[in-house]
Amino acid sequence: MGEDVTYSDDIWNLVITSKSVNSSKSNSIPSEEIIRKLEQRNKELVEIVHEPKYHEELKTAIENNYVQKFYIALRL
């Protein structure tokens, strides 16, 4: 997925990738499949991240459906 969904550097929106993949992504909007994978990754990550700041950030993002909300906003 490259850089991120919403130009946000919040943990729920970051994905590790190579520089070349990030560059090739440019400003394109990810597919719904990529969004589903990001949401699933966040659900799994919240179970293994125990640092309070990041754990709470992930929980809040999941509870408030941030990934879907920003994805919908990008598509408008």
N, C-alpha and C. Protein backbone atom coordinates (compact mmCIF):
# COMPACT_ATOMS: atom_id res chain seq x y z
N MET A 1 0.80 -1.18 0.00
CA MET A 1 0.00 0.00 0.00
C MET A 1 0.85 1.25 0.00
N GLY A 2 2.07 1.20 0.19
CA GLY A 2 2.86 2.41 0.10
C GLY A 2 2.76 3.29 1.32
N GLU A 3 2.79 4.57 1.09
CA GLU A 3 2.92 5.56 2.16
C GLU A 3 1.79 5.48 3.17
N ASP A 4 0.59 5.83 2.80
CA ASP A 4 -0.53 5.77 3.72
C ASP A 4 -1.83 6.08 3.02
N VAL A 5 -2.91 5.93 3.73
CA VAL A 5 -4.24 6.14 3.17
C VAL A 5 -4.59 7.62 3.14
N THR A 6 -4.29 8.34 4.17
CA THR A 6 -4.80 9.70 4.31
C THR A 6 -3.73 10.75 4.55
N TYR A 7 -2.52 10.46 4.24
CA TYR A 7 -1.43 11.39 4.51
C TYR A 7 -1.29 11.63 6.00
N SER A 8 -1.66 10.67 6.77
CA SER A 8 -1.59 10.74 8.22
C SER A 8 -0.46 9.86 8.70
N ASP A 9 0.27 10.31 9.71
CA ASP A 9 1.34 9.46 10.23
C ASP A 9 0.93 8.79 11.53
N ASP A 10 -0.37 8.62 11.74
CA ASP A 10 -0.86 7.88 12.89
C ASP A 10 -0.59 6.40 12.68
N ILE A 11 -0.36 5.68 13.77
CA ILE A 11 0.02 4.27 13.68
C ILE A 11 -1.02 3.43 12.93
N TRP A 12 -2.30 3.75 13.06
CA TRP A 12 -3.35 2.97 12.41
C TRP A 12 -3.33 3.13 10.90
N ASN A 13 -2.56 4.08 10.41
CA ASN A 13 -2.56 4.39 8.99
C ASN A 13 -1.22 4.11 8.31
N LEU A 14 -0.23 3.68 9.05
CA LEU A 14 1.09 3.46 8.47
C LEU A 14 1.29 2.00 8.08
N VAL A 15 2.01 1.82 7.00
CA VAL A 15 2.34 0.48 6.52
C VAL A 15 3.81 0.48 6.13
N ILE A 16 4.54 -0.52 6.57
CA ILE A 16 5.95 -0.63 6.21
C ILE A 16 6.05 -1.07 4.75
N THR A 17 6.89 -0.36 4.01
CA THR A 17 7.08 -0.67 2.60
C THR A 17 8.45 -0.18 2.15
N SER A 18 8.82 -0.59 0.97
CA SER A 18 10.10 -0.12 0.42
C SER A 18 9.92 1.26 -0.21
N LYS A 19 11.03 1.94 -0.41
CA LYS A 19 10.99 3.26 -1.02
C LYS A 19 10.41 3.21 -2.43
N SER A 20 10.78 2.18 -3.19
CA SER A 20 10.28 2.09 -4.57
C SER A 20 8.78 1.85 -4.62
N VAL A 21 8.25 1.00 -3.72
CA VAL A 21 6.80 0.77 -3.69
C VAL A 21 6.08 2.04 -3.25
N ASN A 22 6.63 2.71 -2.27
CA ASN A 22 6.04 3.95 -1.80
C ASN A 22 5.99 4.99 -2.93
N SER A 23 7.06 5.11 -3.68
CA SER A 23 7.11 6.06 -4.79
C SER A 23 6.12 5.70 -5.89
N SER A 24 5.99 4.42 -6.17
CA SER A 24 5.09 4.00 -7.26
C SER A 24 3.63 4.20 -6.89
N LYS A 25 3.34 4.20 -5.61
CA LYS A 25 1.97 4.43 -5.15
C LYS A 25 1.50 5.84 -5.47
N SER A 26 2.42 6.78 -5.38
CA SER A 26 2.13 8.19 -5.63
C SER A 26 0.97 8.63 -4.73
N ASN A 27 -0.03 9.28 -5.31
CA ASN A 27 -1.19 9.74 -4.55
C ASN A 27 -2.44 8.95 -4.89
N SER A 28 -2.27 7.75 -5.41
CA SER A 28 -3.44 6.96 -5.80
C SER A 28 -4.22 6.48 -4.58
N ILE A 29 -5.50 6.29 -4.79
CA ILE A 29 -6.38 5.80 -3.73
C ILE A 29 -6.31 4.27 -3.73
N PRO A 30 -6.10 3.66 -2.58
CA PRO A 30 -5.99 2.20 -2.52
C PRO A 30 -7.32 1.51 -2.82
N SER A 31 -7.24 0.26 -3.16
CA SER A 31 -8.44 -0.53 -3.44
C SER A 31 -9.16 -0.85 -2.13
N GLU A 32 -10.41 -1.29 -2.25
CA GLU A 32 -11.17 -1.69 -1.07
C GLU A 32 -10.50 -2.88 -0.38
N GLU A 33 -9.88 -3.76 -1.15
CA GLU A 33 -9.18 -4.91 -0.58
C GLU A 33 -8.02 -4.45 0.31
N ILE A 34 -7.28 -3.47 -0.13
CA ILE A 34 -6.18 -2.93 0.67
C ILE A 34 -6.72 -2.32 1.96
N ILE A 35 -7.83 -1.63 1.86
CA ILE A 35 -8.45 -1.02 3.04
C ILE A 35 -8.88 -2.10 4.03
N ARG A 36 -9.49 -3.18 3.53
CA ARG A 36 -9.88 -4.29 4.41
C ARG A 36 -8.66 -4.90 5.09
N LYS A 37 -7.58 -5.05 4.34
CA LYS A 37 -6.36 -5.60 4.92
C LYS A 37 -5.80 -4.69 6.01
N LEU A 38 -5.85 -3.38 5.78
CA LEU A 38 -5.37 -2.43 6.78
C LEU A 38 -6.22 -2.50 8.04
N GLU A 39 -7.53 -2.60 7.86
CA GLU A 39 -8.41 -2.72 9.02
C GLU A 39 -8.12 -4.00 9.81
N GLN A 40 -7.93 -5.11 9.09
CA GLN A 40 -7.62 -6.37 9.75
C GLN A 40 -6.27 -6.30 10.46
N ARG A 41 -5.30 -5.70 9.80
CA ARG A 41 -3.98 -5.54 10.40
C ARG A 41 -4.08 -4.76 11.71
N ASN A 42 -4.89 -3.70 11.71
CA ASN A 42 -5.05 -2.90 12.92
C ASN A 42 -5.69 -3.70 14.05
N LYS A 43 -6.65 -4.54 13.71
CA LYS A 43 -7.28 -5.38 14.73
C LYS A 43 -6.28 -6.37 15.33
N GLU A 44 -5.40 -6.89 14.50
CA GLU A 44 -4.37 -7.80 14.99
C GLU A 44 -3.30 -7.04 15.78
N LEU A 45 -2.95 -5.87 15.30
CA LEU A 45 -1.92 -5.06 15.94
C LEU A 45 -2.33 -4.60 17.34
N VAL A 46 -3.59 -4.27 17.52
CA VAL A 46 -4.04 -3.80 18.83
C VAL A 46 -3.88 -4.89 19.89
N GLU A 47 -3.87 -6.14 19.46
CA GLU A 47 -3.71 -7.25 20.39
C GLU A 47 -2.25 -7.46 20.81
N ILE A 48 -1.32 -6.99 20.01
CA ILE A 48 0.10 -7.24 20.33
C ILE A 48 0.88 -5.99 20.74
N VAL A 49 0.33 -4.82 20.51
CA VAL A 49 1.00 -3.57 20.89
C VAL A 49 0.57 -3.21 22.31
N HIS A 50 1.52 -3.17 23.21
CA HIS A 50 1.19 -2.91 24.61
C HIS A 50 1.64 -1.54 25.09
N GLU A 51 2.35 -0.80 24.26
CA GLU A 51 2.75 0.56 24.64
C GLU A 51 1.46 1.38 24.69
N PRO A 52 1.13 1.96 25.85
CA PRO A 52 -0.19 2.59 26.03
C PRO A 52 -0.60 3.59 24.96
N LYS A 53 0.30 4.47 24.55
CA LYS A 53 -0.06 5.49 23.56
C LYS A 53 -0.55 4.84 22.27
N TYR A 54 0.21 3.89 21.73
CA TYR A 54 -0.14 3.27 20.46
C TYR A 54 -1.31 2.32 20.59
N HIS A 55 -1.40 1.64 21.71
CA HIS A 55 -2.53 0.74 21.94
C HIS A 55 -3.84 1.53 21.93
N GLU A 56 -3.86 2.63 22.66
CA GLU A 56 -5.07 3.46 22.72
C GLU A 56 -5.39 4.08 21.36
N GLU A 57 -4.36 4.50 20.65
CA GLU A 57 -4.57 5.08 19.32
C GLU A 57 -5.21 4.06 18.39
N LEU A 58 -4.71 2.84 18.41
CA LEU A 58 -5.28 1.78 17.58
C LEU A 58 -6.71 1.47 17.99
N LYS A 59 -6.95 1.34 19.28
CA LYS A 59 -8.31 1.05 19.76
C LYS A 59 -9.28 2.14 19.32
N THR A 60 -8.88 3.39 19.47
CA THR A 60 -9.73 4.51 19.09
C THR A 60 -10.01 4.49 17.59
N ALA A 61 -8.99 4.21 16.80
CA ALA A 61 -9.17 4.16 15.35
C ALA A 61 -10.15 3.05 14.95
N ILE A 62 -10.04 1.90 15.59
CA ILE A 62 -10.94 0.78 15.29
C ILE A 62 -12.37 1.12 15.73
N GLU A 63 -12.51 1.59 16.95
CA GLU A 63 -13.83 1.91 17.48
C GLU A 63 -14.54 2.99 16.68
N ASN A 64 -13.77 3.94 16.14
CA ASN A 64 -14.35 5.06 15.38
C ASN A 64 -14.30 4.86 13.88
N ASN A 65 -13.82 3.68 13.45
CA ASN A 65 -13.82 3.32 12.04
C ASN A 65 -13.06 4.34 11.18
N TYR A 66 -11.93 4.80 11.67
CA TYR A 66 -11.16 5.83 10.98
C TYR A 66 -10.75 5.43 9.57
N VAL A 67 -10.30 4.21 9.38
CA VAL A 67 -9.81 3.81 8.06
C VAL A 67 -10.92 3.95 7.03
N GLN A 68 -12.11 3.42 7.32
CA GLN A 68 -13.23 3.52 6.38
C GLN A 68 -13.66 4.97 6.17
N LYS A 69 -13.73 5.74 7.23
CA LYS A 69 -14.16 7.14 7.11
C LYS A 69 -13.22 7.93 6.21
N PHE A 70 -11.93 7.76 6.40
CA PHE A 70 -10.98 8.49 5.56
C PHE A 70 -10.98 7.96 4.13
N TYR A 71 -11.15 6.67 3.99
CA TYR A 71 -11.22 6.08 2.64
C TYR A 71 -12.42 6.64 1.88
N ILE A 72 -13.54 6.70 2.50
CA ILE A 72 -14.75 7.26 1.87
C ILE A 72 -14.52 8.72 1.51
N ALA A 73 -13.91 9.48 2.41
CA ALA A 73 -13.63 10.89 2.14
C ALA A 73 -12.71 11.06 0.94
N LEU A 74 -11.74 10.17 0.79
CA LEU A 74 -10.82 10.24 -0.35
C LEU A 74 -11.53 9.98 -1.67
N ARG A 75 -12.52 9.13 -1.62
CA ARG A 75 -13.22 8.74 -2.86
C ARG A 75 -14.23 9.78 -3.31
N LEU A 76 -14.60 10.71 -2.44
CA LEU A 76 -15.61 11.73 -2.80
C LEU A 76 -15.03 12.77 -3.72
